[in-house]
Protein backbone atom coordinates (compact mmCIF):
# COMPACT_ATOMS: atom_id res chain seq x y z
CA MET A 1 15.66 16.10 8.56
CA ILE A 2 19.26 16.60 9.58
CA SER A 3 18.74 14.47 12.68
CA LEU A 4 17.42 11.68 10.45
CA ILE A 5 20.52 11.86 8.26
CA VAL A 6 22.82 11.83 11.29
CA ALA A 7 20.96 8.90 12.82
CA PHE A 8 21.17 6.98 9.55
CA ALA A 9 24.87 7.84 9.11
CA ILE A 10 25.62 6.49 12.58
CA GLY A 11 23.15 3.62 12.55
CA ALA A 12 23.93 2.08 9.15
CA PRO A 13 27.61 1.34 9.84
CA ALA A 14 26.70 0.07 13.31
CA VAL A 15 24.15 -2.34 11.84
CA ILE A 16 26.61 -3.58 9.22
CA PHE A 17 29.30 -4.07 11.88
CA LEU A 18 26.96 -5.93 14.23
CA ALA A 19 25.55 -8.13 11.46
CA TYR A 20 29.05 -9.06 10.29
CA ASN A 21 30.16 -9.86 13.84
CA SER A 22 27.02 -11.90 14.47
CA PHE A 23 27.62 -14.01 11.38
CA SER A 24 31.29 -14.42 12.33
CA ILE A 25 30.43 -15.60 15.83
CA LEU A 26 27.78 -17.93 14.44
CA ASN A 27 30.33 -19.45 12.05
CA GLU A 28 32.81 -19.90 14.92
CA GLN A 29 30.17 -21.74 16.94
CA LYS A 30 29.19 -23.96 14.02
CA SER A 31 31.42 -26.80 15.23
CA VAL A 32 29.58 -27.08 18.56
CA MET A 33 26.08 -26.88 17.05
CA SER A 34 24.09 -29.42 15.17
CA GLU A 35 23.48 -28.63 11.51
CA LYS A 36 19.79 -28.04 12.16
CA THR A 37 20.51 -25.62 15.03
CA TYR A 38 23.06 -23.74 12.93
CA ARG A 39 20.60 -23.35 10.04
CA MET A 40 17.88 -22.18 12.44
CA HIS A 41 20.16 -19.56 14.03
CA ARG A 42 21.35 -18.38 10.63
CA GLN A 43 17.78 -18.06 9.34
CA LEU A 44 16.70 -16.17 12.46
CA LEU A 45 19.66 -13.80 12.11
CA ILE A 46 18.77 -13.09 8.48
CA THR A 47 15.14 -12.51 9.50
CA LEU A 48 16.25 -10.11 12.23
CA ILE A 49 18.32 -8.13 9.74
CA PHE A 50 15.35 -7.85 7.36
CA GLN A 51 13.13 -6.75 10.25
CA LEU A 52 15.60 -3.97 10.88
CA LEU A 53 16.11 -2.96 7.24
CA VAL A 54 12.49 -2.74 6.09
CA PRO A 55 11.37 -0.01 8.52
CA THR A 56 14.66 1.83 8.10
CA ILE A 57 14.33 1.92 4.33
CA THR A 58 10.64 2.80 4.35
CA LEU A 59 11.23 5.65 6.78
CA PHE A 60 14.39 7.01 5.18
CA ALA A 61 13.49 6.71 1.47
CA PRO A 62 10.61 9.25 1.37
CA TYR A 63 12.65 11.87 3.20
CA SER A 64 15.58 11.28 0.86
CA ILE A 65 13.40 11.68 -2.23
CA VAL A 66 11.78 14.87 -0.95
CA THR A 67 15.17 16.30 0.01
CA ALA A 68 16.58 15.49 -3.42
CA PHE A 69 13.65 17.27 -5.09
CA ILE A 70 14.07 20.32 -2.87
CA ILE A 71 17.81 20.49 -3.52
CA ALA A 72 17.18 20.12 -7.26
CA GLY A 73 14.67 22.98 -7.10
CA ALA A 74 11.66 20.88 -8.06
CA GLU A 75 9.29 21.80 -5.23
CA ASP A 76 6.21 21.55 -7.47
CA PHE A 77 7.36 18.51 -9.45
CA GLY A 78 4.29 16.43 -8.60
CA CYS A 79 1.86 19.15 -9.68
CA ASN A 80 3.57 19.63 -13.04
CA VAL A 81 3.54 15.93 -13.79
CA PHE A 82 -0.23 15.74 -13.34
CA ARG A 83 -0.80 18.88 -15.43
CA GLY A 84 1.28 17.51 -18.29
CA LYS A 85 3.92 20.25 -18.05
CA GLN A 86 7.64 19.59 -18.21
């Protein structure tokens, strides 16, 4: 679990930095591209970012929720909900 947190803590800023730089470079190159090519590159860059975010979120979210429950001391939270206990 700790390795997942460390990987996310290192990876998230790196992804943000690379995405920002990619959009900056794309905007700098806008003058030498046709409008259609620029739109295509921009759309592909956005798609690439979503392809990176979806697996990251779906892998990290369950571990985060479980960790939050453990830290809060609610190890049997799911069982109590189904039994109707508070």
